[in-house]
mmCIF file of all heavy atoms, coordinates in Angstrom:
data_MODEL
# 
_entry.id   MODEL 
# 
loop_
_atom_site.group_PDB 
_atom_site.id 
_atom_site.type_symbol 
_atom_site.label_atom_id 
_atom_site.label_alt_id 
_atom_site.label_comp_id 
_atom_site.label_asym_id 
_atom_site.label_entity_id 
_atom_site.label_seq_id 
_atom_site.pdbx_PDB_ins_code 
_atom_site.Cartn_x 
_atom_site.Cartn_y 
_atom_site.Cartn_z 
_atom_site.occupancy 
_atom_site.B_iso_or_equiv 
_atom_site.pdbx_formal_charge 
_atom_site.auth_seq_id 
_atom_site.auth_comp_id 
_atom_site.auth_asym_id 
_atom_site.auth_atom_id 
_atom_site.pdbx_PDB_model_num 
ATOM 1   N N   . ALA A 1 1  ? 66.486 99.643  157.370 1.00 0.00 ? 1  ALA A N   1 
ATOM 2   C CA  . ALA A 1 1  ? 66.133 100.819 156.581 1.00 0.00 ? 1  ALA A CA  1 
ATOM 3   C C   . ALA A 1 1  ? 65.093 101.642 157.321 1.00 0.00 ? 1  ALA A C   1 
ATOM 4   O O   . ALA A 1 1  ? 64.108 101.106 157.795 1.00 0.00 ? 1  ALA A O   1 
ATOM 5   C CB  . ALA A 1 1  ? 65.570 100.391 155.240 1.00 0.00 ? 1  ALA A CB  1 
ATOM 6   N N   . TYR A 1 2  ? 65.311 102.914 157.415 1.00 0.00 ? 2  TYR A N   1 
ATOM 7   C CA  . TYR A 1 2  ? 64.344 103.828 158.002 1.00 0.00 ? 2  TYR A CA  1 
ATOM 8   C C   . TYR A 1 2  ? 64.116 104.965 157.034 1.00 0.00 ? 2  TYR A C   1 
ATOM 9   O O   . TYR A 1 2  ? 65.063 105.644 156.636 1.00 0.00 ? 2  TYR A O   1 
ATOM 10  C CB  . TYR A 1 2  ? 64.848 104.399 159.335 1.00 0.00 ? 2  TYR A CB  1 
ATOM 11  C CG  . TYR A 1 2  ? 64.900 103.373 160.428 1.00 0.00 ? 2  TYR A CG  1 
ATOM 12  C CD1 . TYR A 1 2  ? 66.072 102.707 160.726 1.00 0.00 ? 2  TYR A CD1 1 
ATOM 13  C CD2 . TYR A 1 2  ? 63.753 103.053 161.149 1.00 0.00 ? 2  TYR A CD2 1 
ATOM 14  C CE1 . TYR A 1 2  ? 66.123 101.759 161.720 1.00 0.00 ? 2  TYR A CE1 1 
ATOM 15  C CE2 . TYR A 1 2  ? 63.796 102.100 162.145 1.00 0.00 ? 2  TYR A CE2 1 
ATOM 16  C CZ  . TYR A 1 2  ? 64.984 101.468 162.426 1.00 0.00 ? 2  TYR A CZ  1 
ATOM 17  O OH  . TYR A 1 2  ? 65.007 100.519 163.408 1.00 0.00 ? 2  TYR A OH  1 
ATOM 18  N N   . THR A 1 3  ? 62.876 105.191 156.658 1.00 0.00 ? 3  THR A N   1 
ATOM 19  C CA  . THR A 1 3  ? 62.545 106.247 155.717 1.00 0.00 ? 3  THR A CA  1 
ATOM 20  C C   . THR A 1 3  ? 63.001 107.606 156.225 1.00 0.00 ? 3  THR A C   1 
ATOM 21  O O   . THR A 1 3  ? 63.427 108.458 155.458 1.00 0.00 ? 3  THR A O   1 
ATOM 22  C CB  . THR A 1 3  ? 61.021 106.300 155.478 1.00 0.00 ? 3  THR A CB  1 
ATOM 23  O OG1 . THR A 1 3  ? 60.608 105.019 155.060 1.00 0.00 ? 3  THR A OG1 1 
ATOM 24  C CG2 . THR A 1 3  ? 60.661 107.302 154.425 1.00 0.00 ? 3  THR A CG2 1 
ATOM 25  N N   . GLU A 1 4  ? 62.939 107.818 157.529 1.00 0.00 ? 4  GLU A N   1 
ATOM 26  C CA  . GLU A 1 4  ? 63.256 109.118 158.097 1.00 0.00 ? 4  GLU A CA  1 
ATOM 27  C C   . GLU A 1 4  ? 64.729 109.487 157.949 1.00 0.00 ? 4  GLU A C   1 
ATOM 28  O O   . GLU A 1 4  ? 65.077 110.635 158.047 1.00 0.00 ? 4  GLU A O   1 
ATOM 29  C CB  . GLU A 1 4  ? 62.898 109.150 159.598 1.00 0.00 ? 4  GLU A CB  1 
ATOM 30  C CG  . GLU A 1 4  ? 61.431 108.908 159.892 1.00 0.00 ? 4  GLU A CG  1 
ATOM 31  C CD  . GLU A 1 4  ? 61.085 107.429 159.876 1.00 0.00 ? 4  GLU A CD  1 
ATOM 32  O OE1 . GLU A 1 4  ? 61.938 106.591 160.159 1.00 0.00 ? 4  GLU A OE1 1 
ATOM 33  O OE2 . GLU A 1 4  ? 59.930 107.108 159.559 1.00 0.00 ? 4  GLU A OE2 1 
ATOM 34  N N   . GLN A 1 5  ? 65.606 108.509 157.724 1.00 0.00 ? 5  GLN A N   1 
ATOM 35  C CA  . GLN A 1 5  ? 67.022 108.791 157.608 1.00 0.00 ? 5  GLN A CA  1 
ATOM 36  C C   . GLN A 1 5  ? 67.328 109.385 156.233 1.00 0.00 ? 5  GLN A C   1 
ATOM 37  O O   . GLN A 1 5  ? 66.887 108.879 155.220 1.00 0.00 ? 5  GLN A O   1 
ATOM 38  C CB  . GLN A 1 5  ? 67.853 107.527 157.788 1.00 0.00 ? 5  GLN A CB  1 
ATOM 39  C CG  . GLN A 1 5  ? 67.811 106.992 159.193 1.00 0.00 ? 5  GLN A CG  1 
ATOM 40  C CD  . GLN A 1 5  ? 68.636 105.731 159.329 1.00 0.00 ? 5  GLN A CD  1 
ATOM 41  O OE1 . GLN A 1 5  ? 68.997 105.105 158.349 1.00 0.00 ? 5  GLN A OE1 1 
ATOM 42  N NE2 . GLN A 1 5  ? 68.918 105.359 160.556 1.00 0.00 ? 5  GLN A NE2 1 
ATOM 43  N N   . ALA A 1 6  ? 68.102 110.444 156.217 1.00 0.00 ? 6  ALA A N   1 
ATOM 44  C CA  . ALA A 1 6  ? 68.458 111.073 154.952 1.00 0.00 ? 6  ALA A CA  1 
ATOM 45  C C   . ALA A 1 6  ? 69.730 110.480 154.366 1.00 0.00 ? 6  ALA A C   1 
ATOM 46  O O   . ALA A 1 6  ? 69.987 110.599 153.187 1.00 0.00 ? 6  ALA A O   1 
ATOM 47  C CB  . ALA A 1 6  ? 68.652 112.574 155.162 1.00 0.00 ? 6  ALA A CB  1 
ATOM 48  N N   . SER A 1 7  ? 70.534 109.846 155.205 1.00 0.00 ? 7  SER A N   1 
ATOM 49  C CA  . SER A 1 7  ? 71.812 109.319 154.711 1.00 0.00 ? 7  SER A CA  1 
ATOM 50  C C   . SER A 1 7  ? 71.616 108.011 153.963 1.00 0.00 ? 7  SER A C   1 
ATOM 51  O O   . SER A 1 7  ? 70.609 107.350 154.081 1.00 0.00 ? 7  SER A O   1 
ATOM 52  C CB  . SER A 1 7  ? 72.765 109.102 155.888 1.00 0.00 ? 7  SER A CB  1 
ATOM 53  O OG  . SER A 1 7  ? 72.231 108.129 156.759 1.00 0.00 ? 7  SER A OG  1 
ATOM 54  N N   . ALA A 1 8  ? 72.632 107.643 153.201 1.00 0.00 ? 8  ALA A N   1 
ATOM 55  C CA  . ALA A 1 8  ? 72.593 106.395 152.442 1.00 0.00 ? 8  ALA A CA  1 
ATOM 56  C C   . ALA A 1 8  ? 72.649 105.217 153.395 1.00 0.00 ? 8  ALA A C   1 
ATOM 57  O O   . ALA A 1 8  ? 73.207 105.289 154.479 1.00 0.00 ? 8  ALA A O   1 
ATOM 58  C CB  . ALA A 1 8  ? 73.779 106.343 151.481 1.00 0.00 ? 8  ALA A CB  1 
ATOM 59  N N   . TRP A 1 9  ? 72.099 104.119 152.965 1.00 0.00 ? 9  TRP A N   1 
ATOM 60  C CA  . TRP A 1 9  ? 72.104 102.889 153.725 1.00 0.00 ? 9  TRP A CA  1 
ATOM 61  C C   . TRP A 1 9  ? 73.542 102.429 153.862 1.00 0.00 ? 9  TRP A C   1 
ATOM 62  O O   . TRP A 1 9  ? 74.236 102.246 152.872 1.00 0.00 ? 9  TRP A O   1 
ATOM 63  C CB  . TRP A 1 9  ? 71.298 101.876 152.947 1.00 0.00 ? 9  TRP A CB  1 
ATOM 64  C CG  . TRP A 1 9  ? 71.028 100.590 153.597 1.00 0.00 ? 9  TRP A CG  1 
ATOM 65  C CD1 . TRP A 1 9  ? 71.866 99.816  154.335 1.00 0.00 ? 9  TRP A CD1 1 
ATOM 66  C CD2 . TRP A 1 9  ? 69.800 99.886  153.559 1.00 0.00 ? 9  TRP A CD2 1 
ATOM 67  N NE1 . TRP A 1 9  ? 71.256 98.685  154.742 1.00 0.00 ? 9  TRP A NE1 1 
ATOM 68  C CE2 . TRP A 1 9  ? 69.984 98.691  154.274 1.00 0.00 ? 9  TRP A CE2 1 
ATOM 69  C CE3 . TRP A 1 9  ? 68.584 100.125 152.980 1.00 0.00 ? 9  TRP A CE3 1 
ATOM 70  C CZ2 . TRP A 1 9  ? 68.973 97.758  154.432 1.00 0.00 ? 9  TRP A CZ2 1 
ATOM 71  C CZ3 . TRP A 1 9  ? 67.588 99.187  153.138 1.00 0.00 ? 9  TRP A CZ3 1 
ATOM 72  C CH2 . TRP A 1 9  ? 67.778 98.029  153.857 1.00 0.00 ? 9  TRP A CH2 1 
ATOM 73  N N   . PRO A 1 10 ? 74.044 102.209 155.090 1.00 0.00 ? 10 PRO A N   1 
ATOM 74  C CA  . PRO A 1 10 ? 75.447 101.820 155.232 1.00 0.00 ? 10 PRO A CA  1 
ATOM 75  C C   . PRO A 1 10 ? 75.708 100.439 154.645 1.00 0.00 ? 10 PRO A C   1 
ATOM 76  O O   . PRO A 1 10 ? 74.962 99.506  154.914 1.00 0.00 ? 10 PRO A O   1 
ATOM 77  C CB  . PRO A 1 10 ? 75.675 101.800 156.744 1.00 0.00 ? 10 PRO A CB  1 
ATOM 78  C CG  . PRO A 1 10 ? 74.400 102.148 157.382 1.00 0.00 ? 10 PRO A CG  1 
ATOM 79  C CD  . PRO A 1 10 ? 73.356 102.332 156.335 1.00 0.00 ? 10 PRO A CD  1 
ATOM 80  N N   . GLN A 1 11 ? 76.716 100.334 153.847 1.00 0.00 ? 11 GLN A N   1 
ATOM 81  C CA  . GLN A 1 11 ? 77.107 99.039  153.313 1.00 0.00 ? 11 GLN A CA  1 
ATOM 82  C C   . GLN A 1 11 ? 78.491 99.136  152.712 1.00 0.00 ? 11 GLN A C   1 
ATOM 83  O O   . GLN A 1 11 ? 78.943 100.202 152.345 1.00 0.00 ? 11 GLN A O   1 
ATOM 84  C CB  . GLN A 1 11 ? 76.117 98.527  152.278 1.00 0.00 ? 11 GLN A CB  1 
ATOM 85  C CG  . GLN A 1 11 ? 76.129 99.278  150.969 1.00 0.00 ? 11 GLN A CG  1 
ATOM 86  C CD  . GLN A 1 11 ? 75.149 98.671  149.994 1.00 0.00 ? 11 GLN A CD  1 
ATOM 87  O OE1 . GLN A 1 11 ? 74.117 98.184  150.389 1.00 0.00 ? 11 GLN A OE1 1 
ATOM 88  N NE2 . GLN A 1 11 ? 75.476 98.700  148.746 1.00 0.00 ? 11 GLN A NE2 1 
ATOM 89  N N   . ALA A 1 12 ? 79.136 98.009  152.641 1.00 0.00 ? 12 ALA A N   1 
ATOM 90  C CA  . ALA A 1 12 ? 80.464 97.959  152.034 1.00 0.00 ? 12 ALA A CA  1 
ATOM 91  C C   . ALA A 1 12 ? 80.315 97.914  150.521 1.00 0.00 ? 12 ALA A C   1 
ATOM 92  O O   . ALA A 1 12 ? 79.427 97.253  150.009 1.00 0.00 ? 12 ALA A O   1 
ATOM 93  C CB  . ALA A 1 12 ? 81.209 96.723  152.527 1.00 0.00 ? 12 ALA A CB  1 
ATOM 94  N N   . ALA A 1 13 ? 81.172 98.624  149.824 1.00 0.00 ? 13 ALA A N   1 
ATOM 95  C CA  . ALA A 1 13 ? 81.145 98.583  148.364 1.00 0.00 ? 13 ALA A CA  1 
ATOM 96  C C   . ALA A 1 13 ? 81.793 97.278  147.907 1.00 0.00 ? 13 ALA A C   1 
ATOM 97  O O   . ALA A 1 13 ? 82.929 96.991  148.249 1.00 0.00 ? 13 ALA A O   1 
ATOM 98  C CB  . ALA A 1 13 ? 81.878 99.783  147.796 1.00 0.00 ? 13 ALA A CB  1 
ATOM 99  N N   . LEU A 1 14 ? 81.062 96.491  147.168 1.00 0.00 ? 14 LEU A N   1 
ATOM 100 C CA  . LEU A 1 14 ? 81.574 95.230  146.638 1.00 0.00 ? 14 LEU A CA  1 
ATOM 101 C C   . LEU A 1 14 ? 81.622 95.323  145.120 1.00 0.00 ? 14 LEU A C   1 
ATOM 102 O O   . LEU A 1 14 ? 80.704 95.862  144.507 1.00 0.00 ? 14 LEU A O   1 
ATOM 103 C CB  . LEU A 1 14 ? 80.659 94.067  147.048 1.00 0.00 ? 14 LEU A CB  1 
ATOM 104 C CG  . LEU A 1 14 ? 80.518 93.802  148.543 1.00 0.00 ? 14 LEU A CG  1 
ATOM 105 C CD1 . LEU A 1 14 ? 79.464 92.728  148.788 1.00 0.00 ? 14 LEU A CD1 1 
ATOM 106 C CD2 . LEU A 1 14 ? 81.846 93.379  149.135 1.00 0.00 ? 14 LEU A CD2 1 
ATOM 107 N N   . PRO A 1 15 ? 82.664 94.803  144.505 1.00 0.00 ? 15 PRO A N   1 
ATOM 108 C CA  . PRO A 1 15 ? 82.732 94.844  143.043 1.00 0.00 ? 15 PRO A CA  1 
ATOM 109 C C   . PRO A 1 15 ? 81.553 94.101  142.422 1.00 0.00 ? 15 PRO A C   1 
ATOM 110 O O   . PRO A 1 15 ? 81.195 93.014  142.869 1.00 0.00 ? 15 PRO A O   1 
ATOM 111 C CB  . PRO A 1 15 ? 84.045 94.127  142.722 1.00 0.00 ? 15 PRO A CB  1 
ATOM 112 C CG  . PRO A 1 15 ? 84.782 93.994  144.004 1.00 0.00 ? 15 PRO A CG  1 
ATOM 113 C CD  . PRO A 1 15 ? 83.795 94.140  145.102 1.00 0.00 ? 15 PRO A CD  1 
ATOM 114 N N   . GLY A 1 16 ? 80.931 94.695  141.421 1.00 0.00 ? 16 GLY A N   1 
ATOM 115 C CA  . GLY A 1 16 ? 79.823 94.050  140.725 1.00 0.00 ? 16 GLY A CA  1 
ATOM 116 C C   . GLY A 1 16 ? 78.498 94.103  141.455 1.00 0.00 ? 16 GLY A C   1 
ATOM 117 O O   . GLY A 1 16 ? 77.548 93.438  141.059 1.00 0.00 ? 16 GLY A O   1 
ATOM 118 N N   . VAL A 1 17 ? 78.419 94.900  142.543 1.00 0.00 ? 17 VAL A N   1 
ATOM 119 C CA  . VAL A 1 17 ? 77.185 94.986  143.333 1.00 0.00 ? 17 VAL A CA  1 
ATOM 120 C C   . VAL A 1 17 ? 76.753 96.444  143.423 1.00 0.00 ? 17 VAL A C   1 
ATOM 121 O O   . VAL A 1 17 ? 77.534 97.291  143.861 1.00 0.00 ? 17 VAL A O   1 
ATOM 122 C CB  . VAL A 1 17 ? 77.406 94.423  144.757 1.00 0.00 ? 17 VAL A CB  1 
ATOM 123 C CG1 . VAL A 1 17 ? 76.150 94.554  145.593 1.00 0.00 ? 17 VAL A CG1 1 
ATOM 124 C CG2 . VAL A 1 17 ? 77.843 92.975  144.689 1.00 0.00 ? 17 VAL A CG2 1 
ATOM 125 N N   . PRO A 1 18 ? 75.508 96.766  143.028 1.00 0.00 ? 18 PRO A N   1 
ATOM 126 C CA  . PRO A 1 18 ? 75.022 98.138  143.174 1.00 0.00 ? 18 PRO A CA  1 
ATOM 127 C C   . PRO A 1 18 ? 74.967 98.535  144.647 1.00 0.00 ? 18 PRO A C   1 
ATOM 128 O O   . PRO A 1 18 ? 74.689 97.707  145.503 1.00 0.00 ? 18 PRO A O   1 
ATOM 129 C CB  . PRO A 1 18 ? 73.611 98.100  142.584 1.00 0.00 ? 18 PRO A CB  1 
ATOM 130 C CG  . PRO A 1 18 ? 73.525 96.827  141.827 1.00 0.00 ? 18 PRO A CG  1 
ATOM 131 C CD  . PRO A 1 18 ? 74.513 95.883  142.434 1.00 0.00 ? 18 PRO A CD  1 
ATOM 132 N N   . THR A 1 19 ? 75.222 99.799  144.938 1.00 0.00 ? 19 THR A N   1 
ATOM 133 C CA  . THR A 1 19 ? 75.171 100.314 146.297 1.00 0.00 ? 19 THR A CA  1 
ATOM 134 C C   . THR A 1 19 ? 73.840 101.026 146.514 1.00 0.00 ? 19 THR A C   1 
ATOM 135 O O   . THR A 1 19 ? 73.441 101.857 145.700 1.00 0.00 ? 19 THR A O   1 
ATOM 136 C CB  . THR A 1 19 ? 76.318 101.316 146.532 1.00 0.00 ? 19 THR A CB  1 
ATOM 137 O OG1 . THR A 1 19 ? 77.554 100.679 146.225 1.00 0.00 ? 19 THR A OG1 1 
ATOM 138 C CG2 . THR A 1 19 ? 76.346 101.802 147.959 1.00 0.00 ? 19 THR A CG2 1 
ATOM 139 N N   . VAL A 1 20 ? 73.158 100.706 147.606 1.00 0.00 ? 20 VAL A N   1 
ATOM 140 C CA  . VAL A 1 20 ? 71.871 101.338 147.922 1.00 0.00 ? 20 VAL A CA  1 
ATOM 141 C C   . VAL A 1 20 ? 72.125 102.755 148.417 1.00 0.00 ? 20 VAL A C   1 
ATOM 142 O O   . VAL A 1 20 ? 72.890 102.965 149.344 1.00 0.00 ? 20 VAL A O   1 
ATOM 143 C CB  . VAL A 1 20 ? 71.113 100.535 149.004 1.00 0.00 ? 20 VAL A CB  1 
ATOM 144 C CG1 . VAL A 1 20 ? 69.789 101.218 149.336 1.00 0.00 ? 20 VAL A CG1 1 
ATOM 145 C CG2 . VAL A 1 20 ? 70.886 99.105  148.565 1.00 0.00 ? 20 VAL A CG2 1 
ATOM 146 N N   . ASN A 1 21 ? 71.476 103.736 147.789 1.00 0.00 ? 21 ASN A N   1 
ATOM 147 C CA  . ASN A 1 21 ? 71.596 105.141 148.189 1.00 0.00 ? 21 ASN A CA  1 
ATOM 148 C C   . ASN A 1 21 ? 70.339 105.674 148.855 1.00 0.00 ? 21 ASN A C   1 
ATOM 149 O O   . ASN A 1 21 ? 70.414 106.580 149.669 1.00 0.00 ? 21 ASN A O   1 
ATOM 150 C CB  . ASN A 1 21 ? 71.903 106.021 146.982 1.00 0.00 ? 21 ASN A CB  1 
ATOM 151 C CG  . ASN A 1 21 ? 73.255 105.746 146.398 1.00 0.00 ? 21 ASN A CG  1 
ATOM 152 O OD1 . ASN A 1 21 ? 74.189 105.392 147.103 1.00 0.00 ? 21 ASN A OD1 1 
ATOM 153 N ND2 . ASN A 1 21 ? 73.365 105.882 145.096 1.00 0.00 ? 21 ASN A ND2 1 
ATOM 154 N N   . LYS A 1 22 ? 69.191 105.161 148.460 1.00 0.00 ? 22 LYS A N   1 
ATOM 155 C CA  . LYS A 1 22 ? 67.921 105.667 148.982 1.00 0.00 ? 22 LYS A CA  1 
ATOM 156 C C   . LYS A 1 22 ? 66.980 104.492 149.186 1.00 0.00 ? 22 LYS A C   1 
ATOM 157 O O   . LYS A 1 22 ? 66.788 103.674 148.291 1.00 0.00 ? 22 LYS A O   1 
ATOM 158 C CB  . LYS A 1 22 ? 67.286 106.654 148.002 1.00 0.00 ? 22 LYS A CB  1 
ATOM 159 C CG  . LYS A 1 22 ? 65.909 107.146 148.427 1.00 0.00 ? 22 LYS A CG  1 
ATOM 160 C CD  . LYS A 1 22 ? 65.292 108.028 147.347 1.00 0.00 ? 22 LYS A CD  1 
ATOM 161 C CE  . LYS A 1 22 ? 63.848 108.357 147.689 1.00 0.00 ? 22 LYS A CE  1 
ATOM 162 N NZ  . LYS A 1 22 ? 63.184 109.030 146.572 1.00 0.00 ? 22 LYS A NZ  1 
ATOM 163 N N   . VAL A 1 23 ? 66.389 104.417 150.376 1.00 0.00 ? 23 VAL A N   1 
ATOM 164 C CA  . VAL A 1 23 ? 65.437 103.365 150.711 1.00 0.00 ? 23 VAL A CA  1 
ATOM 165 C C   . VAL A 1 23 ? 64.097 104.006 151.032 1.00 0.00 ? 23 VAL A C   1 
ATOM 166 O O   . VAL A 1 23 ? 64.037 104.980 151.783 1.00 0.00 ? 23 VAL A O   1 
ATOM 167 C CB  . VAL A 1 23 ? 65.922 102.548 151.927 1.00 0.00 ? 23 VAL A CB  1 
ATOM 168 C CG1 . VAL A 1 23 ? 64.876 101.549 152.369 1.00 0.00 ? 23 VAL A CG1 1 
ATOM 169 C CG2 . VAL A 1 23 ? 67.226 101.848 151.604 1.00 0.00 ? 23 VAL A CG2 1 
ATOM 170 N N   . VAL A 1 24 ? 63.024 103.485 150.461 1.00 0.00 ? 24 VAL A N   1 
ATOM 171 C CA  . VAL A 1 24 ? 61.658 103.917 150.778 1.00 0.00 ? 24 VAL A CA  1 
ATOM 172 C C   . VAL A 1 24 ? 60.940 102.707 151.349 1.00 0.00 ? 24 VAL A C   1 
ATOM 173 O O   . VAL A 1 24 ? 60.926 101.640 150.735 1.00 0.00 ? 24 VAL A O   1 
ATOM 174 C CB  . VAL A 1 24 ? 60.932 104.447 149.528 1.00 0.00 ? 24 VAL A CB  1 
ATOM 175 C CG1 . VAL A 1 24 ? 59.480 104.763 149.843 1.00 0.00 ? 24 VAL A CG1 1 
ATOM 176 C CG2 . VAL A 1 24 ? 61.648 105.666 148.979 1.00 0.00 ? 24 VAL A CG2 1 
ATOM 177 N N   . ASN A 1 25 ? 60.379 102.867 152.537 1.00 0.00 ? 25 ASN A N   1 
ATOM 178 C CA  . ASN A 1 25 ? 59.699 101.764 153.217 1.00 0.00 ? 25 ASN A CA  1 
ATOM 179 C C   . ASN A 1 25 ? 58.232 101.676 152.801 1.00 0.00 ? 25 ASN A C   1 
ATOM 180 O O   . ASN A 1 25 ? 57.590 102.693 152.574 1.00 0.00 ? 25 ASN A O   1 
ATOM 181 C CB  . ASN A 1 25 ? 59.771 101.956 154.725 1.00 0.00 ? 25 ASN A CB  1 
ATOM 182 C CG  . ASN A 1 25 ? 61.197 101.915 155.218 1.00 0.00 ? 25 ASN A CG  1 
ATOM 183 O OD1 . ASN A 1 25 ? 61.908 100.962 154.965 1.00 0.00 ? 25 ASN A OD1 1 
ATOM 184 N ND2 . ASN A 1 25 ? 61.611 102.955 155.904 1.00 0.00 ? 25 ASN A ND2 1 
ATOM 185 N N   . PRO A 1 26 ? 57.705 100.462 152.737 1.00 0.00 ? 26 PRO A N   1 
ATOM 186 C CA  . PRO A 1 26 ? 56.273 100.307 152.456 1.00 0.00 ? 26 PRO A CA  1 
ATOM 187 C C   . PRO A 1 26 ? 55.463 100.731 153.675 1.00 0.00 ? 26 PRO A C   1 
ATOM 188 O O   . PRO A 1 26 ? 55.974 100.728 154.795 1.00 0.00 ? 26 PRO A O   1 
ATOM 189 C CB  . PRO A 1 26 ? 56.123 98.803  152.198 1.00 0.00 ? 26 PRO A CB  1 
ATOM 190 C CG  . PRO A 1 26 ? 57.217 98.193  152.997 1.00 0.00 ? 26 PRO A CG  1 
ATOM 191 C CD  . PRO A 1 26 ? 58.354 99.175  152.951 1.00 0.00 ? 26 PRO A CD  1 
ATOM 192 N N   . THR A 1 27 ? 54.227 101.101 153.449 1.00 0.00 ? 27 THR A N   1 
ATOM 193 C CA  . THR A 1 27 ? 53.344 101.454 154.550 1.00 0.00 ? 27 THR A CA  1 
ATOM 194 C C   . THR A 1 27 ? 52.099 100.571 154.506 1.00 0.00 ? 27 THR A C   1 
ATOM 195 O O   . THR A 1 27 ? 51.725 100.059 153.444 1.00 0.00 ? 27 THR A O   1 
ATOM 196 C CB  . THR A 1 27 ? 52.911 102.934 154.472 1.00 0.00 ? 27 THR A CB  1 
ATOM 197 O OG1 . THR A 1 27 ? 52.277 103.154 153.214 1.00 0.00 ? 27 THR A OG1 1 
ATOM 198 C CG2 . THR A 1 27 ? 54.101 103.863 154.616 1.00 0.00 ? 27 THR A CG2 1 
ATOM 199 N N   . GLY A 1 28 ? 51.482 100.387 155.652 1.00 0.00 ? 28 GLY A N   1 
ATOM 200 C CA  . GLY A 1 28 ? 50.214 99.673  155.711 1.00 0.00 ? 28 GLY A CA  1 
ATOM 201 C C   . GLY A 1 28 ? 50.290 98.185  155.478 1.00 0.00 ? 28 GLY A C   1 
ATOM 202 O O   . GLY A 1 28 ? 49.299 97.580  155.056 1.00 0.00 ? 28 GLY A O   1 
ATOM 203 N N   . LEU A 1 29 ? 51.425 97.559  155.748 1.00 0.00 ? 29 LEU A N   1 
ATOM 204 C CA  . LEU A 1 29 ? 51.506 96.112  155.572 1.00 0.00 ? 29 LEU A CA  1 
ATOM 205 C C   . LEU A 1 29 ? 50.844 95.409  156.751 1.00 0.00 ? 29 LEU A C   1 
ATOM 206 O O   . LEU A 1 29 ? 50.991 95.837  157.887 1.00 0.00 ? 29 LEU A O   1 
ATOM 207 C CB  . LEU A 1 29 ? 52.964 95.661  155.463 1.00 0.00 ? 29 LEU A CB  1 
ATOM 208 C CG  . LEU A 1 29 ? 53.726 96.148  154.247 1.00 0.00 ? 29 LEU A CG  1 
ATOM 209 C CD1 . LEU A 1 29 ? 55.164 95.664  154.316 1.00 0.00 ? 29 LEU A CD1 1 
ATOM 210 C CD2 . LEU A 1 29 ? 53.082 95.673  152.973 1.00 0.00 ? 29 LEU A CD2 1 
ATOM 211 N N   . PRO A 1 30 ? 50.135 94.318  156.500 1.00 0.00 ? 30 PRO A N   1 
ATOM 212 C CA  . PRO A 1 30 ? 49.504 93.582  157.589 1.00 0.00 ? 30 PRO A CA  1 
ATOM 213 C C   . PRO A 1 30 ? 50.530 93.027  158.574 1.00 0.00 ? 30 PRO A C   1 
ATOM 214 O O   . PRO A 1 30 ? 51.623 92.596  158.177 1.00 0.00 ? 30 PRO A O   1 
ATOM 215 C CB  . PRO A 1 30 ? 48.775 92.433  156.886 1.00 0.00 ? 30 PRO A CB  1 
ATOM 216 C CG  . PRO A 1 30 ? 48.595 92.897  155.482 1.00 0.00 ? 30 PRO A CG  1 
ATOM 217 C CD  . PRO A 1 30 ? 49.792 93.766  155.197 1.00 0.00 ? 30 PRO A CD  1 
# 
């Protein structure tokens, strides 16, 4: 996941599984 990317996170659509559309990365982790 890269915050700078505007496109959806690539993944295969699986029945019964939500598809990730937007990812926000944490900042300042040790």
